[in-house]
């Protein structure tokens, strides 16, 4: 079977959205944890603050806002990625 007769795989938005969102949430949690454990070595909150409106370091409100926003950023990226992937992976009709 050659590659031209194999149907292209379709990305599922739900799977990509949840995957990217959880990837960003886990990264956020690791950075927060690292910033708490080793505050003098790395100040990761300085990287997160400009990207997350309303984020405040070491407040429950800021933590929850950052958590929600990182999850939503994952969905934003997933929607754009899946739509663009499907657009560019269309095969021309012969």
Protein backbone atom coordinates (compact mmCIF):
# COMPACT_ATOMS: atom_id res chain seq x y z
CA UNK A 1 0.00 0.00 0.00
CA UNK A 2 1.53 3.32 -0.97
CA UNK A 3 1.24 6.54 1.01
CA UNK A 4 -1.02 8.22 -1.55
CA UNK A 5 -3.81 5.71 -0.98
CA UNK A 6 -3.59 5.89 2.83
CA UNK A 7 -6.15 8.27 4.31
CA UNK A 8 -4.63 11.04 6.37
CA UNK A 9 -5.20 10.92 10.11
CA UNK A 10 -7.63 13.50 11.44
CA UNK A 11 -6.77 15.23 14.66
CA UNK A 12 -9.54 15.25 17.22
CA UNK A 13 -9.98 18.68 18.80
CA UNK A 14 -11.09 17.31 22.18
CA UNK A 15 -8.00 15.13 22.53
CA UNK A 16 -5.57 17.82 21.37
CA UNK A 17 -7.26 20.49 23.50
CA UNK A 18 -7.13 18.47 26.69
CA UNK A 19 -3.59 17.28 25.99
CA UNK A 20 -2.19 20.77 25.40
CA UNK A 21 -4.15 22.24 28.29
CA UNK A 22 -2.90 19.63 30.73
CA UNK A 23 0.65 20.01 29.41
CA UNK A 24 0.52 23.72 30.20
CA UNK A 25 -1.18 23.19 33.57
CA UNK A 26 1.45 20.62 34.61
CA UNK A 27 4.23 22.98 33.46
CA UNK A 28 2.63 25.82 35.43
CA UNK A 29 2.36 23.68 38.57
CA UNK A 30 5.97 22.53 38.25
CA UNK A 31 7.16 26.11 37.84
CA UNK A 32 5.14 27.27 40.84
CA UNK A 33 6.44 24.36 42.92
CA UNK A 34 10.01 24.98 41.83
CA UNK A 35 9.64 28.69 42.62
CA UNK A 36 8.44 27.85 46.12
CA UNK A 37 11.13 25.21 46.79
CA UNK A 38 14.06 27.20 45.38
CA UNK A 39 13.05 30.87 45.47
CA UNK A 40 16.59 32.26 45.29
CA UNK A 41 17.69 30.26 42.23
CA UNK A 42 14.95 30.90 39.74
CA UNK A 43 12.08 33.33 39.81
CA UNK A 44 9.67 31.63 37.44
CA UNK A 45 6.82 33.92 38.39
CA UNK A 46 8.56 36.68 36.47
CA UNK A 47 8.07 34.60 33.31
CA UNK A 48 4.41 33.80 34.05
CA UNK A 49 3.24 37.24 35.18
CA UNK A 50 3.31 38.99 31.76
CA UNK A 51 1.51 36.06 30.11
CA UNK A 52 -1.24 35.62 32.69
CA UNK A 53 -3.35 38.73 33.39
CA UNK A 54 -4.33 38.86 37.06
CA UNK A 55 -1.60 36.44 38.15
CA UNK A 56 -0.08 37.30 41.52
CA UNK A 57 2.77 35.39 43.10
CA UNK A 58 1.88 33.33 46.19
CA UNK A 59 -1.77 34.28 46.54
CA UNK A 60 -4.62 31.80 46.19
CA UNK A 61 -6.42 34.15 43.82
CA UNK A 62 -3.34 34.56 41.63
CA UNK A 63 -2.63 30.83 41.68
CA UNK A 64 -6.18 29.94 40.59
CA UNK A 65 -6.24 32.63 37.90
CA UNK A 66 -2.95 31.29 36.54
CA UNK A 67 -4.26 27.74 36.60
CA UNK A 68 -7.43 28.63 34.68
CA UNK A 69 -5.58 30.82 32.19
CA UNK A 70 -2.95 28.19 31.40
CA UNK A 71 -5.74 25.68 30.76
CA UNK A 72 -7.50 28.14 28.45
CA UNK A 73 -4.25 28.91 26.62
CA UNK A 74 -3.96 25.20 25.87
CA UNK A 75 -7.40 25.23 24.27
CA UNK A 76 -6.60 28.39 22.32
CA UNK A 77 -3.48 26.76 20.87
CA UNK A 78 -5.34 23.49 20.19
CA UNK A 79 -8.17 25.17 18.30
CA UNK A 80 -5.77 27.11 16.10
CA UNK A 81 -3.50 24.12 15.59
CA UNK A 82 -6.22 21.61 14.68
CA UNK A 83 -8.01 24.00 12.33
CA UNK A 84 -4.77 24.96 10.60
CA UNK A 85 -3.61 21.34 10.47
CA UNK A 86 -6.83 20.27 8.78
CA UNK A 87 -6.67 23.20 6.40
CA UNK A 88 -3.11 22.47 5.29
CA UNK A 89 -3.47 18.69 5.22
CA UNK A 90 -6.29 18.72 2.68
CA UNK A 91 -5.25 16.81 -0.39
CA UNK A 92 -6.06 18.40 -3.72
CA UNK A 93 -8.83 16.66 -5.60
CA UNK A 94 -7.66 14.93 -8.74
